[in-house]
């Protein structure tokens, strides 16, 4: 299997982390800014983790909202530089369904409803034209 850099694209509570745990945990390093507590520059830490893993020949799944092509561009470039297959997983979820799932979360995992609606308005579905080798759509319902 070739090395992959997977970018999840989807709003909060769209099922990204659950999907990772079920489908990719055995084969891909999990990189999520949500797991970087007390880190001043989470973007820099994320880049370093991805660069290190790809340099070691390890596949990576980046589990953030990644809503726009501009946000996604730098990591696509990193994947290309390391010869990785760059794949987007688009979590196609209605904001109302994400809000329902979010309300089941506890503590810091739960975000204010408005955050989900703001992200939903920003999301631009990923395309091959951005530089992805493949775009997969993951549909999850409440």
N, C-alpha and C. Protein backbone atom coordinates (compact mmCIF):
# COMPACT_ATOMS: atom_id res chain seq x y z
N UNK A 1 0.84 -1.19 0.00
CA UNK A 1 0.00 0.00 0.00
C UNK A 1 0.88 1.25 0.00
N UNK A 2 0.53 2.21 -0.82
CA UNK A 2 1.31 3.44 -0.86
C UNK A 2 0.94 4.33 0.34
N UNK A 3 1.82 5.26 0.63
CA UNK A 3 1.58 6.18 1.75
C UNK A 3 0.48 7.16 1.36
N UNK A 4 -0.43 7.40 2.30
CA UNK A 4 -1.56 8.29 2.04
C UNK A 4 -1.57 9.46 3.03
N UNK A 5 -2.00 10.60 2.53
CA UNK A 5 -2.33 11.74 3.38
C UNK A 5 -3.81 11.99 3.15
N UNK A 6 -4.60 11.67 4.16
CA UNK A 6 -6.05 11.85 4.07
C UNK A 6 -6.43 13.13 4.81
N UNK A 7 -7.24 13.96 4.14
CA UNK A 7 -7.78 15.17 4.76
C UNK A 7 -9.27 14.98 4.95
N UNK A 8 -9.72 14.97 6.18
CA UNK A 8 -11.15 14.96 6.43
C UNK A 8 -11.67 16.38 6.21
N UNK A 9 -12.86 16.48 5.63
CA UNK A 9 -13.51 17.77 5.43
C UNK A 9 -14.94 17.61 5.94
N UNK A 10 -15.29 18.39 6.95
CA UNK A 10 -16.65 18.31 7.48
C UNK A 10 -16.79 19.11 8.76
N UNK A 11 -18.02 19.48 9.05
CA UNK A 11 -18.26 20.29 10.25
C UNK A 11 -18.07 19.47 11.52
N UNK A 12 -18.04 20.16 12.63
CA UNK A 12 -17.94 19.51 13.91
C UNK A 12 -19.12 18.54 14.08
N UNK A 13 -18.88 17.42 14.73
CA UNK A 13 -19.90 16.39 15.00
C UNK A 13 -20.46 15.75 13.73
N UNK A 14 -19.67 15.77 12.66
CA UNK A 14 -20.09 15.14 11.41
C UNK A 14 -19.74 13.65 11.38
N UNK A 15 -18.99 13.20 12.37
CA UNK A 15 -18.62 11.79 12.44
C UNK A 15 -17.20 11.49 12.02
N UNK A 16 -16.36 12.52 11.89
CA UNK A 16 -15.00 12.34 11.40
C UNK A 16 -14.16 11.45 12.32
N UNK A 17 -14.11 11.77 13.61
CA UNK A 17 -13.28 11.01 14.55
C UNK A 17 -13.79 9.58 14.71
N UNK A 18 -15.09 9.43 14.72
CA UNK A 18 -15.68 8.09 14.81
C UNK A 18 -15.32 7.27 13.58
N UNK A 19 -15.37 7.89 12.41
CA UNK A 19 -15.00 7.21 11.18
C UNK A 19 -13.53 6.79 11.24
N UNK A 20 -12.67 7.70 11.69
CA UNK A 20 -11.25 7.37 11.81
C UNK A 20 -11.08 6.13 12.69
N UNK A 21 -11.70 6.14 13.86
CA UNK A 21 -11.53 5.03 14.81
C UNK A 21 -12.00 3.71 14.21
N UNK A 22 -13.06 3.75 13.42
CA UNK A 22 -13.63 2.53 12.84
C UNK A 22 -12.91 2.04 11.61
N UNK A 23 -12.38 2.95 10.80
CA UNK A 23 -11.87 2.57 9.48
C UNK A 23 -10.37 2.77 9.24
N UNK A 24 -9.73 3.67 9.99
CA UNK A 24 -8.35 4.02 9.65
C UNK A 24 -7.34 3.89 10.79
N UNK A 25 -7.82 3.67 12.00
CA UNK A 25 -6.93 3.67 13.17
C UNK A 25 -5.78 2.67 13.06
N UNK A 26 -6.03 1.55 12.42
CA UNK A 26 -5.00 0.51 12.33
C UNK A 26 -3.91 0.83 11.32
N UNK A 27 -4.18 1.75 10.40
CA UNK A 27 -3.25 1.99 9.30
C UNK A 27 -2.75 3.42 9.16
N UNK A 28 -3.39 4.39 9.82
CA UNK A 28 -3.05 5.80 9.63
C UNK A 28 -2.84 6.49 10.99
N UNK A 29 -1.81 7.33 11.05
CA UNK A 29 -1.61 8.18 12.22
C UNK A 29 -2.74 9.19 12.29
N UNK A 30 -3.31 9.40 13.46
CA UNK A 30 -4.41 10.35 13.66
C UNK A 30 -3.82 11.70 14.07
N UNK A 31 -4.04 12.72 13.26
CA UNK A 31 -3.58 14.06 13.58
C UNK A 31 -4.80 14.96 13.66
N UNK A 32 -5.04 15.51 14.85
CA UNK A 32 -6.20 16.37 15.07
C UNK A 32 -5.82 17.51 16.00
N UNK A 33 -6.12 18.73 15.59
CA UNK A 33 -5.84 19.88 16.44
C UNK A 33 -6.64 19.80 17.74
N UNK A 34 -7.78 19.12 17.71
CA UNK A 34 -8.59 18.97 18.93
C UNK A 34 -7.83 18.22 20.02
N UNK A 35 -6.87 17.41 19.63
CA UNK A 35 -6.10 16.63 20.60
C UNK A 35 -4.85 17.35 21.08
N UNK A 36 -4.62 18.56 20.56
CA UNK A 36 -3.41 19.32 20.90
C UNK A 36 -3.72 20.36 21.97
N UNK A 37 -3.97 19.89 23.16
CA UNK A 37 -4.25 20.81 24.27
C UNK A 37 -2.95 21.49 24.71
N UNK A 38 -3.05 22.71 25.11
CA UNK A 38 -1.91 23.48 25.62
C UNK A 38 -0.77 23.62 24.61
N UNK A 39 -1.09 23.63 23.33
CA UNK A 39 -0.09 23.84 22.29
C UNK A 39 -0.33 25.23 21.71
N UNK A 40 0.69 26.07 21.74
CA UNK A 40 0.53 27.45 21.31
C UNK A 40 0.26 27.56 19.81
N UNK A 41 1.06 26.89 18.98
CA UNK A 41 0.89 26.97 17.53
C UNK A 41 0.50 25.59 17.00
N UNK A 42 -0.80 25.34 17.00
CA UNK A 42 -1.29 24.01 16.60
C UNK A 42 -1.06 23.74 15.12
N UNK A 43 -1.07 24.78 14.27
CA UNK A 43 -0.78 24.58 12.85
C UNK A 43 0.64 24.07 12.65
N UNK A 44 1.59 24.67 13.35
CA UNK A 44 2.99 24.25 13.24
C UNK A 44 3.16 22.83 13.77
N UNK A 45 2.53 22.52 14.89
CA UNK A 45 2.63 21.17 15.45
C UNK A 45 2.02 20.15 14.49
N UNK A 46 0.89 20.50 13.89
CA UNK A 46 0.24 19.61 12.93
C UNK A 46 1.16 19.34 11.75
N UNK A 47 1.72 20.41 11.18
CA UNK A 47 2.64 20.25 10.03
C UNK A 47 3.82 19.35 10.39
N UNK A 48 4.39 19.57 11.57
CA UNK A 48 5.55 18.78 11.99
C UNK A 48 5.18 17.30 12.13
N UNK A 49 4.03 17.01 12.72
CA UNK A 49 3.60 15.62 12.90
C UNK A 49 3.39 14.94 11.54
N UNK A 50 2.77 15.68 10.61
CA UNK A 50 2.50 15.13 9.28
C UNK A 50 3.80 14.90 8.52
N UNK A 51 4.67 15.91 8.52
CA UNK A 51 5.96 15.80 7.83
C UNK A 51 6.75 14.61 8.37
N UNK A 52 6.82 14.46 9.67
CA UNK A 52 7.59 13.37 10.28
C UNK A 52 7.03 12.01 9.88
N UNK A 53 5.71 11.87 9.98
CA UNK A 53 5.09 10.59 9.64
C UNK A 53 5.31 10.23 8.18
N UNK A 54 5.07 11.18 7.28
CA UNK A 54 5.25 10.91 5.86
C UNK A 54 6.71 10.60 5.53
N UNK A 55 7.64 11.30 6.17
CA UNK A 55 9.07 11.04 5.95
C UNK A 55 9.44 9.63 6.39
N UNK A 56 8.72 9.11 7.40
CA UNK A 56 8.95 7.74 7.88
C UNK A 56 8.17 6.70 7.08
N UNK A 57 7.41 7.16 6.07
CA UNK A 57 6.63 6.23 5.26
C UNK A 57 5.32 5.81 5.89
N UNK A 58 4.83 6.59 6.85
CA UNK A 58 3.57 6.29 7.52
C UNK A 58 2.44 7.11 6.91
N UNK A 59 1.27 6.50 6.78
CA UNK A 59 0.08 7.21 6.29
C UNK A 59 -0.52 8.02 7.43
N UNK A 60 -1.21 9.12 7.06
CA UNK A 60 -1.74 10.06 8.03
C UNK A 60 -3.18 10.40 7.68
N UNK A 61 -4.03 10.53 8.70
CA UNK A 61 -5.39 11.06 8.53
C UNK A 61 -5.49 12.34 9.35
N UNK A 62 -5.78 13.45 8.68
CA UNK A 62 -5.88 14.76 9.34
C UNK A 62 -7.35 15.02 9.63
N UNK A 63 -7.67 15.04 10.91
CA UNK A 63 -9.05 15.08 11.40
C UNK A 63 -9.38 16.48 11.95
N UNK A 64 -9.63 17.41 11.04
CA UNK A 64 -10.06 18.76 11.39
C UNK A 64 -11.21 19.11 10.45
N UNK A 65 -11.81 20.29 10.61
CA UNK A 65 -12.93 20.66 9.74
C UNK A 65 -12.46 20.94 8.31
N UNK A 66 -11.27 21.53 8.14
CA UNK A 66 -10.69 21.78 6.80
C UNK A 66 -11.73 22.31 5.81
N UNK A 67 -12.40 23.42 6.12
CA UNK A 67 -13.57 23.83 5.35
C UNK A 67 -13.33 24.39 3.95
N UNK A 68 -12.16 24.99 3.70
CA UNK A 68 -11.98 25.68 2.42
C UNK A 68 -10.73 25.19 1.67
N UNK A 69 -10.71 25.39 0.36
CA UNK A 69 -9.52 25.03 -0.41
C UNK A 69 -8.26 25.72 0.11
N UNK A 70 -8.37 26.95 0.55
CA UNK A 70 -7.20 27.67 1.05
C UNK A 70 -6.63 26.99 2.29
N UNK A 71 -7.49 26.55 3.18
CA UNK A 71 -7.05 25.85 4.39
C UNK A 71 -6.39 24.52 4.03
N UNK A 72 -6.90 23.87 3.02
CA UNK A 72 -6.42 22.53 2.63
C UNK A 72 -5.14 22.55 1.80
N UNK A 73 -4.85 23.67 1.15
CA UNK A 73 -3.76 23.74 0.16
C UNK A 73 -2.39 23.38 0.71
N UNK A 74 -2.03 23.90 1.88
CA UNK A 74 -0.67 23.68 2.38
C UNK A 74 -0.40 22.21 2.66
N UNK A 75 -1.38 21.49 3.16
CA UNK A 75 -1.14 20.09 3.45
C UNK A 75 -1.17 19.23 2.18
N UNK A 76 -1.91 19.66 1.19
CA UNK A 76 -1.87 18.96 -0.11
C UNK A 76 -0.44 19.05 -0.65
N UNK A 77 0.15 20.22 -0.53
CA UNK A 77 1.52 20.44 -1.01
C UNK A 77 2.50 19.55 -0.23
N UNK A 78 2.32 19.43 1.08
CA UNK A 78 3.19 18.56 1.89
C UNK A 78 3.07 17.12 1.42
N UNK A 79 1.84 16.67 1.20
CA UNK A 79 1.64 15.31 0.71
C UNK A 79 2.33 15.07 -0.61
N UNK A 80 2.20 16.02 -1.53
CA UNK A 80 2.84 15.91 -2.85
C UNK A 80 4.36 15.81 -2.70
N UNK A 81 4.91 16.67 -1.85
CA UNK A 81 6.36 16.71 -1.66
C UNK A 81 6.89 15.36 -1.16
N UNK A 82 6.09 14.65 -0.39
CA UNK A 82 6.50 13.35 0.16
C UNK A 82 6.05 12.17 -0.71
N UNK A 83 5.44 12.46 -1.85
CA UNK A 83 5.03 11.39 -2.76
C UNK A 83 3.83 10.59 -2.26
N UNK A 84 3.05 11.17 -1.37
CA UNK A 84 1.88 10.47 -0.82
C UNK A 84 0.67 10.63 -1.74
N UNK A 85 -0.23 9.65 -1.70
CA UNK A 85 -1.54 9.82 -2.34
C UNK A 85 -2.33 10.74 -1.43
N UNK A 86 -2.88 11.81 -1.98
CA UNK A 86 -3.61 12.80 -1.18
C UNK A 86 -5.10 12.60 -1.45
N UNK A 87 -5.82 12.25 -0.39
CA UNK A 87 -7.23 11.88 -0.52
C UNK A 87 -8.08 12.73 0.42
N UNK A 88 -9.19 13.25 -0.10
CA UNK A 88 -10.15 13.97 0.74
C UNK A 88 -11.31 13.05 1.07
N UNK A 89 -11.72 13.06 2.31
CA UNK A 89 -12.94 12.39 2.74
C UNK A 89 -13.90 13.51 3.14
N UNK A 90 -14.95 13.68 2.35
CA UNK A 90 -15.92 14.74 2.61
C UNK A 90 -17.10 14.16 3.38
N UNK A 91 -17.29 14.65 4.60
CA UNK A 91 -18.37 14.19 5.47
C UNK A 91 -19.60 15.05 5.20
N UNK A 92 -20.47 14.52 4.36
CA UNK A 92 -21.66 15.23 3.91
C UNK A 92 -22.74 15.05 4.97
N UNK A 93 -22.95 16.09 5.76
CA UNK A 93 -23.86 16.04 6.89
C UNK A 93 -24.66 17.33 6.97
N UNK A 94 -25.93 17.23 7.24
CA UNK A 94 -26.74 18.43 7.45
C UNK A 94 -26.38 19.04 8.80
N UNK A 95 -26.32 20.36 8.85
CA UNK A 95 -25.97 21.04 10.10
C UNK A 95 -26.90 20.62 11.24
N UNK A 96 -28.17 20.46 10.96
CA UNK A 96 -29.12 20.07 12.02
C UNK A 96 -28.78 18.70 12.60
N UNK A 97 -28.30 17.79 11.76
CA UNK A 97 -27.90 16.46 12.26
C UNK A 97 -26.64 16.55 13.11
N UNK A 98 -25.69 17.39 12.69
CA UNK A 98 -24.47 17.59 13.47
C UNK A 98 -24.79 18.20 14.83
N UNK A 99 -25.74 19.12 14.87
CA UNK A 99 -26.14 19.74 16.13
C UNK A 99 -26.72 18.69 17.07
N UNK A 100 -27.54 17.80 16.54
CA UNK A 100 -28.12 16.73 17.36
C UNK A 100 -27.01 15.87 17.96
N UNK A 101 -26.05 15.46 17.13
CA UNK A 101 -24.94 14.62 17.62
C UNK A 101 -24.08 15.39 18.61
N UNK A 102 -23.83 16.67 18.33
CA UNK A 102 -23.01 17.49 19.21
C UNK A 102 -23.63 17.58 20.61
N UNK A 103 -24.93 17.63 20.69
CA UNK A 103 -25.60 17.75 21.99
C UNK A 103 -25.44 16.48 22.83
N UNK A 104 -25.02 15.40 22.22
CA UNK A 104 -24.75 14.16 22.95
C UNK A 104 -23.33 14.13 23.53
N UNK A 105 -22.51 15.06 23.09
CA UNK A 105 -21.14 15.15 23.58
C UNK A 105 -21.12 15.79 24.96
N UNK A 106 -20.02 15.52 25.67
CA UNK A 106 -19.88 16.10 27.01
C UNK A 106 -18.57 16.86 27.12
N UNK A 107 -18.54 17.81 28.04
CA UNK A 107 -17.31 18.55 28.33
C UNK A 107 -16.81 19.36 27.15
N UNK A 108 -15.48 19.36 26.99
CA UNK A 108 -14.84 20.18 25.96
C UNK A 108 -15.12 19.67 24.54
N UNK A 109 -15.58 18.44 24.43
CA UNK A 109 -15.88 17.88 23.11
C UNK A 109 -17.10 18.57 22.49
N UNK A 110 -17.97 19.10 23.33
CA UNK A 110 -19.19 19.76 22.83
C UNK A 110 -18.87 21.21 22.48
N UNK A 111 -19.31 21.62 21.30
CA UNK A 111 -19.10 23.01 20.87
C UNK A 111 -20.45 23.73 20.83
N UNK A 112 -20.45 25.06 20.94
CA UNK A 112 -21.72 25.79 20.83
C UNK A 112 -22.35 25.54 19.45
N UNK A 113 -23.67 25.43 19.41
CA UNK A 113 -24.39 25.17 18.16
C UNK A 113 -23.98 26.15 17.06
N UNK A 114 -23.78 27.42 17.44
CA UNK A 114 -23.45 28.44 16.44
C UNK A 114 -22.16 28.10 15.70
N UNK A 115 -21.23 27.46 16.35
CA UNK A 115 -19.95 27.09 15.72
C UNK A 115 -20.21 26.12 14.56
N UNK A 116 -21.11 25.20 14.76
CA UNK A 116 -21.45 24.24 13.70
C UNK A 116 -22.09 24.96 12.52
N UNK A 117 -23.01 25.87 12.80
CA UNK A 117 -23.68 26.59 11.71
C UNK A 117 -22.71 27.48 10.94
N UNK A 118 -21.77 28.11 11.65
CA UNK A 118 -20.77 28.96 10.99
C UNK A 118 -19.89 28.10 10.09
N UNK A 119 -19.43 26.96 10.59
CA UNK A 119 -18.60 26.06 9.78
C UNK A 119 -19.38 25.55 8.58
N UNK A 120 -20.65 25.21 8.78
CA UNK A 120 -21.48 24.70 7.67
C UNK A 120 -21.55 25.72 6.53
N UNK A 121 -21.61 27.00 6.87
CA UNK A 121 -21.66 28.04 5.82
C UNK A 121 -20.33 28.19 5.09
N UNK A 122 -19.23 27.87 5.76
CA UNK A 122 -17.90 28.03 5.17
C UNK A 122 -17.51 26.85 4.29
N UNK A 123 -18.06 25.69 4.53
CA UNK A 123 -17.57 24.47 3.88
C UNK A 123 -17.74 24.51 2.37
N UNK A 124 -16.62 24.25 1.70
CA UNK A 124 -16.58 24.09 0.25
C UNK A 124 -16.19 22.64 0.01
N UNK A 125 -17.06 21.85 -0.61
CA UNK A 125 -16.69 20.45 -0.85
C UNK A 125 -15.37 20.34 -1.61
N UNK A 126 -14.53 19.40 -1.22
CA UNK A 126 -13.24 19.24 -1.89
C UNK A 126 -13.39 18.73 -3.33
N UNK A 127 -12.43 19.08 -4.17
CA UNK A 127 -12.46 18.67 -5.58
C UNK A 127 -11.09 18.15 -6.01
N UNK A 128 -11.08 17.39 -7.07
CA UNK A 128 -9.81 16.92 -7.64
C UNK A 128 -8.96 18.09 -8.11
N UNK A 129 -9.59 19.17 -8.56
CA UNK A 129 -8.88 20.34 -9.07
C UNK A 129 -7.99 20.99 -8.00
N UNK A 130 -8.30 20.77 -6.73
CA UNK A 130 -7.46 21.31 -5.65
C UNK A 130 -6.13 20.58 -5.57
N UNK A 131 -6.05 19.40 -6.16
CA UNK A 131 -4.82 18.62 -6.08
C UNK A 131 -4.99 17.27 -5.41
N UNK A 132 -6.20 16.94 -5.03
CA UNK A 132 -6.45 15.62 -4.44
C UNK A 132 -6.36 14.55 -5.53
N UNK A 133 -5.84 13.38 -5.18
CA UNK A 133 -5.83 12.24 -6.09
C UNK A 133 -7.21 11.59 -6.14
N UNK A 134 -7.94 11.75 -5.06
CA UNK A 134 -9.26 11.12 -4.95
C UNK A 134 -10.08 11.89 -3.93
N UNK A 135 -11.39 11.96 -4.18
CA UNK A 135 -12.32 12.55 -3.22
C UNK A 135 -13.39 11.51 -2.93
N UNK A 136 -13.53 11.18 -1.65
CA UNK A 136 -14.55 10.22 -1.23
C UNK A 136 -15.60 10.96 -0.40
N UNK A 137 -16.86 10.59 -0.60
CA UNK A 137 -17.94 11.22 0.16
C UNK A 137 -18.43 10.21 1.19
N UNK A 138 -18.48 10.66 2.44
CA UNK A 138 -18.96 9.83 3.54
C UNK A 138 -20.27 10.45 4.01
N UNK A 139 -21.35 9.70 3.90
CA UNK A 139 -22.64 10.20 4.37
C UNK A 139 -22.98 9.56 5.69
N UNK A 140 -23.19 10.38 6.70
CA UNK A 140 -23.54 9.88 8.03
C UNK A 140 -24.81 10.58 8.45
N UNK A 141 -25.75 9.83 8.95
CA UNK A 141 -27.01 10.43 9.40
C UNK A 141 -27.08 10.41 10.92
N UNK A 142 -27.97 11.21 11.45
CA UNK A 142 -28.12 11.30 12.91
C UNK A 142 -28.55 10.05 13.47
